[in-house]
Protein backbone atom coordinates (compact mmCIF):
# COMPACT_ATOMS: atom_id res chain seq x y z
CA MET A 1 8.10 51.96 -60.02
CA ASP A 2 9.78 49.35 -62.23
CA LYS A 3 9.55 50.72 -65.77
CA GLU A 4 9.10 47.19 -67.14
CA SER A 5 6.19 46.30 -64.83
CA LYS A 6 2.53 46.48 -65.75
CA VAL A 7 0.55 49.51 -64.58
CA THR A 8 -2.61 48.83 -62.59
CA ILE A 9 -5.32 51.41 -63.29
CA TYR A 10 -8.65 51.60 -61.47
CA PRO A 11 -11.81 53.01 -63.10
CA SER A 12 -12.05 55.57 -60.30
CA GLU A 13 -8.68 56.92 -61.47
CA LEU A 14 -10.11 57.40 -64.95
CA HIS A 15 -12.90 59.43 -63.36
CA THR A 16 -10.46 61.73 -61.55
CA PHE A 17 -8.23 62.05 -64.61
CA ALA A 18 -11.13 63.17 -66.79
CA TYR A 19 -12.14 65.75 -64.17
CA CYS A 20 -8.63 67.24 -64.09
CA PRO A 21 -5.46 65.37 -65.16
CA ARG A 22 -3.29 67.62 -62.99
CA LEU A 23 -5.43 66.84 -59.93
CA TYR A 24 -4.84 63.15 -60.64
CA PHE A 25 -1.07 63.80 -60.75
CA PHE A 26 -1.08 65.50 -57.35
CA ASN A 27 -3.25 62.77 -55.81
CA ILE A 28 -0.65 60.22 -56.92
CA TYR A 29 2.53 62.03 -55.96
CA THR A 30 1.67 64.54 -53.21
CA PRO A 31 -1.65 63.50 -51.65
CA VAL A 32 -3.21 65.70 -48.97
CA GLU A 33 -6.06 65.02 -46.59
CA LYS A 34 -9.43 65.72 -48.14
CA PRO A 35 -11.37 68.67 -46.63
CA LEU A 36 -14.19 67.88 -44.22
CA THR A 37 -16.95 68.80 -46.68
CA GLN A 38 -15.54 66.40 -49.27
CA ARG A 39 -15.22 63.61 -46.70
CA ILE A 40 -18.85 64.11 -45.70
CA ARG A 41 -19.93 63.93 -49.35
CA LEU A 42 -17.92 60.72 -49.77
CA LEU A 43 -19.58 59.20 -46.70
CA LEU A 44 -23.04 60.09 -47.97
CA GLY A 45 -22.07 58.63 -51.34
CA HIS A 46 -21.02 55.36 -49.71
CA ILE A 47 -24.35 55.14 -47.88
CA TYR A 48 -26.23 55.86 -51.12
CA HIS A 49 -24.30 53.14 -52.97
CA TYR A 50 -24.81 50.64 -50.15
CA LEU A 51 -28.59 51.08 -50.11
CA LYS A 52 -28.79 50.93 -53.90
CA GLY A 53 -26.61 47.82 -53.84
CA LEU A 54 -29.01 46.01 -51.51
CA LEU A 55 -31.85 46.68 -53.94
CA ALA A 56 -29.75 45.56 -56.92
CA LYS A 57 -28.95 42.25 -55.25
CA ARG A 58 -32.65 41.56 -54.81
CA ARG A 59 -33.03 42.12 -58.55
CA GLY A 60 -30.40 39.56 -59.42
CA TYR A 61 -27.37 41.81 -60.00
CA ARG A 62 -23.86 41.09 -58.80
CA VAL A 63 -22.72 44.00 -56.67
CA GLU A 64 -19.21 45.45 -56.14
CA GLU A 65 -17.32 42.28 -57.01
CA THR A 66 -13.66 42.77 -57.93
CA ILE A 67 -12.91 42.12 -61.60
CA SER A 68 -9.82 42.71 -63.74
CA THR A 69 -8.34 42.27 -67.18
CA GLU A 70 -5.00 42.90 -68.89
CA LEU A 71 -4.68 45.27 -71.83
CA GLY A 72 -1.08 45.03 -72.94
CA SER A 73 1.02 46.77 -70.29
CA VAL A 74 -2.08 47.89 -68.34
CA VAL A 75 -4.06 45.95 -65.76
CA LEU A 76 -7.59 47.28 -65.36
CA ARG A 77 -9.04 46.39 -61.96
CA GLY A 78 -12.14 47.57 -60.16
CA ARG A 79 -15.52 46.85 -58.61
CA PRO A 80 -18.53 47.84 -60.72
CA ASP A 81 -21.51 49.05 -58.73
CA ALA A 82 -23.70 46.32 -60.25
CA TYR A 83 -23.81 44.04 -63.27
CA LYS A 84 -25.93 41.22 -64.65
CA GLU A 85 -24.61 38.82 -67.27
CA SER A 86 -25.81 36.12 -69.63
CA ASP A 87 -24.04 34.07 -72.30
CA SER A 88 -24.59 36.74 -74.98
CA SER A 89 -24.80 40.03 -73.07
CA VAL A 90 -23.87 41.90 -69.92
CA GLU A 91 -25.50 44.96 -68.36
CA ILE A 92 -23.32 47.21 -66.21
CA VAL A 93 -24.65 49.88 -63.85
CA GLU A 94 -22.55 52.80 -62.60
CA ARG A 95 -24.32 54.91 -59.97
CA LYS A 96 -23.73 58.59 -59.27
CA SER A 97 -25.37 60.39 -56.36
CA GLY A 98 -25.19 63.75 -58.15
CA ARG A 99 -27.21 65.26 -60.97
CA GLY A 100 -26.36 64.30 -64.53
CA PRO A 101 -26.15 66.55 -67.58
CA LYS A 102 -29.31 67.46 -69.48
CA GLU A 103 -28.34 64.92 -72.14
CA GLY A 104 -25.82 62.11 -72.31
CA VAL A 105 -23.32 61.43 -69.52
CA TRP A 106 -20.27 63.23 -68.23
CA LEU A 107 -17.00 62.25 -69.92
CA SER A 108 -15.59 61.03 -66.59
CA ASP A 109 -18.58 58.72 -66.04
CA MET A 110 -18.40 57.41 -69.60
CA LEU A 111 -14.74 56.45 -69.18
CA GLN A 112 -15.44 54.72 -65.88
CA VAL A 113 -18.37 52.60 -67.08
CA THR A 114 -16.58 51.85 -70.38
CA ALA A 115 -13.66 50.41 -68.41
CA TYR A 116 -16.04 48.01 -66.68
CA GLY A 117 -17.54 47.18 -70.06
CA ILE A 118 -14.13 46.20 -71.44
CA MET A 119 -13.45 44.05 -68.37
CA LEU A 120 -16.73 42.17 -68.63
CA LYS A 121 -17.24 41.91 -72.40
CA GLY A 122 -15.42 38.66 -73.08
CA ALA A 123 -17.00 37.00 -76.14
CA ARG A 124 -20.40 38.61 -75.60
CA ASP A 125 -22.15 40.39 -78.45
CA HIS A 126 -23.81 43.12 -76.39
CA VAL A 127 -22.48 45.21 -73.53
CA VAL A 128 -25.09 47.59 -72.10
CA LEU A 129 -23.70 50.55 -70.15
CA LYS A 130 -25.97 52.34 -67.69
CA VAL A 131 -25.14 55.45 -65.69
CA GLU A 132 -27.70 56.11 -62.97
CA TYR A 133 -27.75 59.73 -61.81
CA ARG A 134 -29.98 61.00 -59.04
CA THR A 135 -32.27 62.58 -61.61
CA ALA A 136 -32.00 60.27 -64.63
CA THR A 137 -30.64 57.00 -66.00
CA ARG A 138 -28.70 57.02 -69.26
CA GLN A 139 -28.13 53.85 -71.29
CA SER A 140 -25.96 53.02 -74.29
CA GLU A 141 -23.91 50.16 -75.71
CA LEU A 142 -20.17 49.70 -75.69
CA ASP A 143 -18.86 50.86 -79.07
CA SER A 144 -15.65 51.77 -80.86
CA GLU A 145 -15.94 55.48 -80.03
CA LYS A 146 -16.09 54.88 -76.29
CA ILE A 147 -13.28 52.34 -76.48
CA ALA A 148 -11.09 54.85 -78.37
CA TYR A 149 -11.59 57.47 -75.66
CA LEU A 150 -10.81 54.88 -72.99
CA TYR A 151 -7.55 53.80 -74.62
CA LYS A 152 -6.49 57.43 -75.04
CA ALA A 153 -7.08 58.06 -71.34
CA LEU A 154 -5.24 54.86 -70.35
CA ASP A 155 -2.22 55.78 -72.50
CA ASP A 156 -2.03 59.21 -70.89
CA ILE A 157 -2.45 57.83 -67.36
CA VAL A 158 0.47 55.46 -67.97
CA LEU A 159 2.65 58.47 -68.84
CA VAL A 160 1.69 60.07 -65.52
CA LYS A 161 1.61 57.05 -63.23
CA LYS A 162 4.58 55.11 -64.61
CA TYR A 163 6.86 57.87 -65.86
CA GLY A 164 5.85 60.86 -63.73
CA ILE A 165 5.11 63.18 -66.65
CA VAL A 166 3.15 66.23 -65.51
CA PRO A 167 -0.25 66.38 -67.23
CA TYR A 168 -2.60 69.09 -68.38
CA ALA A 169 -4.38 71.27 -65.80
CA ASN A 170 -8.06 71.46 -66.71
CA ARG A 171 -8.75 74.87 -65.22
CA SER A 172 -12.02 76.61 -64.41
CA PRO A 173 -12.78 79.19 -61.69
CA LYS A 174 -15.20 76.85 -59.92
CA ARG A 175 -12.98 73.77 -60.06
CA CYS A 176 -9.75 75.53 -59.12
CA SER A 177 -11.26 77.55 -56.27
CA LYS A 178 -11.94 74.31 -54.38
CA CYS A 179 -8.67 72.56 -55.24
CA PRO A 180 -6.18 72.08 -52.36
CA TYR A 181 -3.31 72.11 -54.88
CA ARG A 182 -4.20 75.42 -56.53
CA GLU A 183 -1.15 77.45 -55.49
CA VAL A 184 1.44 74.77 -56.21
CA CYS A 185 -0.30 73.95 -59.50
CA GLU A 186 -0.12 77.55 -60.70
CA GLU A 187 3.53 77.78 -59.64
CA LEU A 188 4.27 74.56 -61.50
CA ASP A 189 2.81 76.03 -64.67
CA LYS A 190 5.31 78.88 -64.52
CA GLN A 191 8.16 76.37 -64.48
CA LEU A 192 6.73 74.12 -67.18
CA TYR A 193 5.50 76.68 -69.66
CA ASP A 194 6.46 75.63 -73.18
CA GLU A 195 4.24 76.03 -76.22
CA ASP A 196 5.60 72.79 -77.70
CA LEU A 197 5.27 70.71 -74.54
CA TYR A 198 2.97 67.69 -74.83
CA GLU A 199 0.72 67.41 -71.82
CA PRO A 200 -1.03 64.09 -71.17
CA GLY A 201 -4.74 64.61 -70.70
CA ALA A 202 -4.94 67.61 -73.02
CA PHE A 203 -7.81 65.89 -74.84
CA VAL A 204 -9.94 66.60 -71.75
CA ALA A 205 -9.86 70.30 -72.65
CA GLU A 206 -11.16 69.60 -76.15
CA LYS A 207 -13.84 67.18 -75.05
CA GLY A 208 -14.55 68.94 -71.81
CA VAL A 209 -15.47 67.67 -68.36
CA ASP A 210 -18.24 70.30 -68.38
CA LYS A 211 -19.88 68.80 -71.47
CA SER A 212 -21.85 65.60 -71.70
CA PHE A 213 -20.50 62.76 -73.80
CA ARG A 214 -23.40 63.20 -76.22
CA ASP A 215 -22.02 66.69 -76.97
CA LEU A 216 -18.59 65.33 -77.88
CA ALA A 217 -19.30 63.70 -81.23
């Protein structure tokens, strides 16, 4: 990649990065075919989103339309599940077919819907962010805290995507046991080990993919 070119980042990449930055790295540089169970879940997710999208259109929302904006050297581009806008406000809906946390939203979901919020804000005073889980809907407004987390994630993704810097591995027995890159990831750690090494995405460990965003303040 041309080091002077802009980096295009999709909100779905933010979601993967917040789940495990090292997984994001492998998906970029050494992708492997997804296991059958994951492909089936993705198919069911697409069906779920399609049916929900039909209902949203009947309610006056715009559904899965491509939008983008430039933030310095980054181009944010994606297709929000649904949004409805007026001159002074915009409401954005991000749907998840899984269960949400007991309170708040997952960090990965917050980053994703915040990215859409930044893309659609313009000169509007209010940006309403909704994450619809299978069991609950969580709503908040775009604010400086969410934007700060988003910019931190974007900066770290640029280091990975543009410069190939190996990021932090957000390990847990459950997550790693299902990861197709587990063996090569553990071997890579042996080669990279350095107490003073800066690892992009290390903030994920502090804030935690296993915590809701409400727990992070």
